[in-house]
Amino acid sequence: MVTSQRVSYDGKAIISLVLGVAALFLIAFPLVAIAPAVAAAVAAVVVACMSRQSLREDPSLAGARLSVLGFVLGWAALVIVTWPLASSLAIQTFAPLSR
């Protein structure tokens, strides 16, 4: 007979993953949802960091990969949102110098 142990996942890890996915989903609607996408991305990164600390303190919890994925998705969403803004600001700033 196979007995299975019930694994307890860290709730913050799951929340960070959901926020990271939501941030990437909200980027698809740039005219409506840029501010919520940035808020979700920042929240995903912060909650993922909190989750990593919880996972270090309690080794019985699972979800390290979930929190890492939430962290990566949050940062990816931030880069996707801020890259066009940063590049356009750089072009506007340095374009007059090249004339």
Protein backbone atom coordinates (compact mmCIF):
# COMPACT_ATOMS: atom_id res chain seq x y z
CA MET A 1 0.00 0.00 0.00
CA VAL A 2 1.31 3.42 -0.94
CA THR A 3 0.87 6.13 1.62
CA SER A 4 1.09 9.69 0.48
CA GLN A 5 2.11 12.58 2.61
CA ARG A 6 0.21 15.79 2.21
CA VAL A 7 2.53 18.60 1.14
CA SER A 8 1.81 22.05 2.52
CA TYR A 9 2.58 24.86 0.09
CA ASP A 10 3.47 28.35 1.21
CA GLY A 11 0.51 30.61 0.45
CA LYS A 12 2.75 33.56 -0.35
CA ALA A 13 4.50 31.51 -3.04
CA ILE A 14 1.19 30.79 -4.73
CA ILE A 15 0.11 34.44 -4.44
CA SER A 16 3.38 35.63 -5.97
CA LEU A 17 2.95 33.27 -8.91
CA VAL A 18 -0.64 34.42 -9.47
CA LEU A 19 0.42 38.08 -9.30
CA GLY A 20 3.26 37.50 -11.76
CA VAL A 21 0.95 35.80 -14.24
CA ALA A 22 -1.65 38.53 -13.76
CA ALA A 23 0.96 41.23 -14.41
CA LEU A 24 1.97 39.59 -17.68
CA PHE A 25 -1.68 39.18 -18.64
CA LEU A 26 -2.44 42.84 -17.90
CA ILE A 27 0.43 43.98 -20.15
CA ALA A 28 -1.66 42.73 -23.08
CA PHE A 29 -3.98 45.70 -22.51
CA PRO A 30 -1.57 48.65 -22.58
CA LEU A 31 -4.10 51.45 -22.89
CA VAL A 32 -6.16 50.29 -19.93
CA ALA A 33 -4.01 48.32 -17.55
CA ILE A 34 -0.43 49.61 -17.37
CA ALA A 35 -0.73 50.87 -13.78
CA PRO A 36 -2.37 47.65 -12.52
CA ALA A 37 0.26 45.62 -14.38
CA VAL A 38 3.07 47.53 -12.68
CA ALA A 39 1.35 47.20 -9.29
CA ALA A 40 0.88 43.45 -9.77
CA ALA A 41 4.48 43.03 -10.90
CA VAL A 42 5.89 44.92 -7.91
CA ALA A 43 3.59 42.99 -5.57
CA ALA A 44 4.72 39.69 -7.14
CA VAL A 45 8.37 40.53 -6.51
CA VAL A 46 7.76 41.67 -2.92
CA VAL A 47 5.57 38.70 -2.02
CA ALA A 48 8.07 36.31 -3.62
CA CYS A 49 10.83 37.72 -1.43
CA MET A 50 8.62 37.32 1.64
CA SER A 51 7.83 33.77 0.58
CA ARG A 52 11.50 32.88 0.18
CA GLN A 53 12.12 34.04 3.74
CA SER A 54 9.19 31.97 5.03
CA LEU A 55 10.45 28.94 3.14
CA ARG A 56 13.91 29.32 4.68
CA GLU A 57 12.44 29.59 8.18
CA ASP A 58 10.08 26.61 7.84
CA PRO A 59 11.63 23.71 5.89
CA SER A 60 8.38 21.72 6.04
CA LEU A 61 6.75 24.11 3.55
CA ALA A 62 6.94 23.57 -0.21
CA GLY A 63 6.76 26.17 -2.95
CA ALA A 64 10.31 27.37 -3.54
CA ARG A 65 9.95 27.00 -7.31
CA LEU A 66 6.60 28.78 -7.25
CA SER A 67 8.08 31.77 -5.46
CA VAL A 68 11.07 31.88 -7.82
CA LEU A 69 8.71 31.77 -10.80
CA GLY A 70 6.59 34.57 -9.31
CA PHE A 71 9.76 36.60 -8.77
CA VAL A 72 10.96 36.06 -12.35
CA LEU A 73 7.54 36.79 -13.87
CA GLY A 74 7.23 39.96 -11.80
CA TRP A 75 10.62 41.24 -12.93
CA ALA A 76 9.87 40.24 -16.52
CA ALA A 77 6.65 42.24 -16.43
CA LEU A 78 8.48 45.24 -15.00
CA VAL A 79 11.12 45.07 -17.72
CA ILE A 80 8.51 44.72 -20.47
CA VAL A 81 6.56 47.71 -19.16
CA THR A 82 9.50 50.00 -18.45
CA TRP A 83 11.72 49.20 -21.45
CA PRO A 84 9.72 51.24 -24.01
CA LEU A 85 9.47 54.16 -21.60
CA ALA A 86 13.18 54.12 -20.79
CA SER A 87 14.22 53.77 -24.41
CA SER A 88 11.93 56.59 -25.57
CA LEU A 89 13.26 58.85 -22.83
CA ALA A 90 16.82 58.02 -23.84
CA ILE A 91 16.08 58.75 -27.49
CA GLN A 92 14.44 62.08 -26.64
CA THR A 93 17.29 63.02 -24.35
CA PHE A 94 20.22 62.13 -26.60
CA ALA A 95 18.70 62.74 -30.05
CA PRO A 96 19.27 66.52 -29.98
CA LEU A 97 22.94 65.92 -29.24
CA SER A 98 23.46 64.08 -32.50
CA ARG A 99 22.33 66.96 -34.74
